[in-house]
């Protein structure tokens, strides 16, 4: 809308999901899902009958890996709670380092596990710090960063390696 596009054009060009088919938008996907669910109910497929499979009110059984992943996540969260972010920032960047703009507020949201987090920060204003500082503070876990520019990918990889943060491009 800000660029003068309607939501349909914006959905066709920007913020596309990896699983979306070409020409597909979120609005069309939602309409398809609704029609599909209506047909399933009309045809009385078992998947649309209340209580089918797992009894009503019961949760699906979790896999062993989900349990392990949750334990790692909780361990990292507990460790992160005891980290002095200001001191770690100075270790990572230098003694004169200070949080800028929304960085401190966003880092706090990240380490307290809030989700989703949307932080709009201008070019060159320290977005990389938002994933590098938590990774620097507590080892383990995986952070996926999508970087569309090759030169920026190489720069981030170099910076992570200099900070002794394990990374793969």
Protein backbone atom coordinates (compact mmCIF):
# COMPACT_ATOMS: atom_id res chain seq x y z
CA UNK A 1 0.00 0.00 0.00
CA UNK A 2 2.86 2.35 0.82
CA UNK A 3 4.37 1.78 -2.64
CA UNK A 4 1.01 2.49 -4.26
CA UNK A 5 0.15 -1.17 -4.83
CA UNK A 6 -3.06 -2.85 -3.78
CA UNK A 7 -2.87 -5.92 -1.55
CA UNK A 8 -3.28 -8.28 -4.53
CA UNK A 9 -0.22 -6.90 -6.38
CA UNK A 10 1.76 -6.72 -3.13
CA UNK A 11 0.88 -10.34 -2.39
CA UNK A 12 2.03 -11.37 -5.87
CA UNK A 13 5.42 -9.64 -5.55
CA UNK A 14 6.43 -9.12 -1.93
CA UNK A 15 6.59 -11.36 1.16
CA UNK A 16 6.07 -14.61 -0.70
CA UNK A 17 6.18 -17.87 1.18
CA UNK A 18 8.48 -20.61 -0.11
CA UNK A 19 5.57 -23.05 -0.45
CA UNK A 20 3.38 -20.66 -2.45
CA UNK A 21 2.79 -21.52 -6.08
CA UNK A 22 3.55 -18.85 -8.70
CA UNK A 23 0.57 -16.51 -9.07
CA UNK A 24 -0.82 -17.57 -5.71
CA UNK A 25 -1.59 -14.98 -3.03
CA UNK A 26 -2.51 -15.44 0.63
CA UNK A 27 -6.06 -14.25 -0.13
CA UNK A 28 -6.48 -16.87 -2.86
CA UNK A 29 -4.96 -19.51 -0.62
CA UNK A 30 -7.45 -18.67 2.16
CA UNK A 31 -10.36 -18.85 -0.32
CA UNK A 32 -9.13 -22.24 -1.59
CA UNK A 33 -8.81 -23.55 1.98
CA UNK A 34 -12.38 -22.45 2.80
CA UNK A 35 -13.82 -24.07 -0.36
CA UNK A 36 -11.83 -27.24 0.31
CA UNK A 37 -13.12 -27.44 3.89
CA UNK A 38 -16.70 -26.86 2.69
CA UNK A 39 -16.39 -29.72 0.19
CA UNK A 40 -14.89 -32.03 2.83
CA UNK A 41 -17.81 -31.29 5.16
CA UNK A 42 -20.36 -31.73 2.36
CA UNK A 43 -18.82 -35.07 1.34
CA UNK A 44 -18.64 -36.05 5.04
CA UNK A 45 -14.98 -36.99 4.96
CA UNK A 46 -13.87 -38.50 8.25
CA UNK A 47 -11.27 -35.75 8.77
CA UNK A 48 -14.07 -33.17 9.16
CA UNK A 49 -16.05 -35.12 11.73
CA UNK A 50 -15.59 -33.73 15.26
CA UNK A 51 -13.44 -36.01 17.41
CA UNK A 52 -12.10 -38.11 14.52
CA UNK A 53 -8.68 -39.68 15.14
CA UNK A 54 -7.63 -38.02 18.36
CA UNK A 55 -10.42 -37.78 20.92
CA UNK A 56 -11.86 -34.32 21.43
CA UNK A 57 -9.85 -32.37 23.98
CA UNK A 58 -6.78 -34.61 23.69
CA UNK A 59 -3.51 -33.33 22.28
CA UNK A 60 -1.63 -35.18 19.56
CA UNK A 61 1.32 -37.23 20.77
CA UNK A 62 4.61 -35.37 20.47
CA UNK A 63 7.63 -36.88 18.79
CA UNK A 64 10.82 -37.53 20.73
CA UNK A 65 12.58 -34.76 18.77
CA UNK A 66 10.00 -32.13 19.73
CA UNK A 67 10.64 -32.95 23.40
CA UNK A 68 14.42 -32.69 22.96
CA UNK A 69 14.07 -29.44 21.00
CA UNK A 70 11.88 -27.96 23.72
CA UNK A 71 14.42 -28.91 26.40
CA UNK A 72 17.23 -27.21 24.46
CA UNK A 73 15.05 -24.14 23.98
CA UNK A 74 14.25 -23.95 27.71
CA UNK A 75 17.92 -24.45 28.66
CA UNK A 76 18.98 -21.60 26.34
CA UNK A 77 16.16 -19.39 27.67
CA UNK A 78 17.28 -19.96 31.28
CA UNK A 79 20.90 -19.20 30.38
CA UNK A 80 19.88 -16.07 28.47
CA UNK A 81 18.00 -14.71 31.51
CA UNK A 82 21.28 -14.42 33.42
CA UNK A 83 23.24 -12.67 30.67
CA UNK A 84 24.20 -9.02 31.06
CA UNK A 85 23.41 -7.82 27.52
CA UNK A 86 25.19 -4.48 27.94
CA UNK A 87 28.42 -6.19 29.02
CA UNK A 88 28.16 -8.78 26.21
CA UNK A 89 27.52 -5.99 23.68
CA UNK A 90 30.75 -4.30 24.78
CA UNK A 91 32.62 -7.65 24.52
CA UNK A 92 31.28 -8.24 21.03
CA UNK A 93 31.67 -4.74 19.54
CA UNK A 94 33.95 -2.73 21.82
CA UNK A 95 34.00 -0.77 25.06
CA UNK A 96 32.20 2.24 23.58
CA UNK A 97 29.33 0.15 22.17
CA UNK A 98 25.80 1.24 23.03
CA UNK A 99 22.41 -0.03 21.90
CA UNK A 100 20.86 2.18 19.21
CA UNK A 101 17.21 2.89 18.46
CA UNK A 102 15.05 -0.24 18.81
CA UNK A 103 17.93 -2.67 19.33
CA UNK A 104 17.68 -3.05 23.10
CA UNK A 105 13.89 -3.40 23.09
CA UNK A 106 14.05 -5.96 20.26
CA UNK A 107 16.86 -7.95 21.91
CA UNK A 108 14.78 -8.07 25.10
CA UNK A 109 11.79 -9.41 23.12
CA UNK A 110 14.02 -12.05 21.51
CA UNK A 111 15.59 -13.29 24.73
CA UNK A 112 12.24 -13.41 26.56
CA UNK A 113 10.81 -15.59 23.78
CA UNK A 114 8.16 -13.20 22.51
CA UNK A 115 6.76 -14.11 19.10
CA UNK A 116 6.28 -12.87 16.50
CA UNK A 117 8.73 -9.98 16.56
CA UNK A 118 8.72 -7.34 13.84
CA UNK A 119 11.39 -4.68 14.10
CA UNK A 120 11.76 -2.23 11.24
CA UNK A 121 15.24 -0.73 11.29
CA UNK A 122 16.93 1.31 8.56
CA UNK A 123 19.92 0.09 6.55
CA UNK A 124 23.12 0.29 8.54
CA UNK A 125 21.38 0.72 11.90
CA UNK A 126 22.31 -2.63 13.45
CA UNK A 127 19.80 -5.32 12.45
CA UNK A 128 22.60 -7.92 12.41
CA UNK A 129 23.16 -7.37 16.12
CA UNK A 130 19.64 -8.75 16.75
CA UNK A 131 20.75 -12.27 15.83
CA UNK A 132 24.47 -12.01 16.51
CA UNK A 133 24.28 -10.89 20.15
CA UNK A 134 21.98 -13.72 21.34
CA UNK A 135 24.11 -16.24 19.40
CA UNK A 136 27.26 -14.76 20.96
CA UNK A 137 25.82 -14.89 24.49
CA UNK A 138 24.57 -18.49 24.58
CA UNK A 139 25.85 -21.34 22.46
CA UNK A 140 23.68 -24.08 21.01
CA UNK A 141 20.52 -23.78 19.00
CA UNK A 142 20.15 -22.61 15.43
CA UNK A 143 19.36 -19.21 14.01
CA UNK A 144 18.40 -19.01 10.34
CA UNK A 145 19.12 -15.68 8.67
CA UNK A 146 17.98 -15.05 5.12
CA UNK A 147 20.23 -12.58 3.33
CA UNK A 148 19.43 -11.83 -0.32
CA UNK A 149 22.69 -10.06 -1.22
CA UNK A 150 25.84 -12.17 -1.80
CA UNK A 151 28.20 -9.44 -0.64
CA UNK A 152 26.23 -9.03 2.59
CA UNK A 153 26.25 -12.82 3.11
CA UNK A 154 30.05 -12.85 2.96
CA UNK A 155 30.29 -9.83 5.27
CA UNK A 156 27.97 -11.41 7.86
CA UNK A 157 29.88 -14.70 7.69
CA UNK A 158 33.18 -12.85 8.25
CA UNK A 159 31.73 -10.87 11.18
CA UNK A 160 30.29 -14.01 12.81
CA UNK A 161 33.61 -15.86 12.49
CA UNK A 162 35.49 -12.89 13.96
CA UNK A 163 33.08 -13.02 16.93
CA UNK A 164 33.61 -16.80 17.23
CA UNK A 165 29.95 -17.47 16.31
CA UNK A 166 29.71 -20.70 14.36
CA UNK A 167 28.03 -20.10 11.00
CA UNK A 168 27.44 -21.70 7.62
CA UNK A 169 26.59 -19.82 4.45
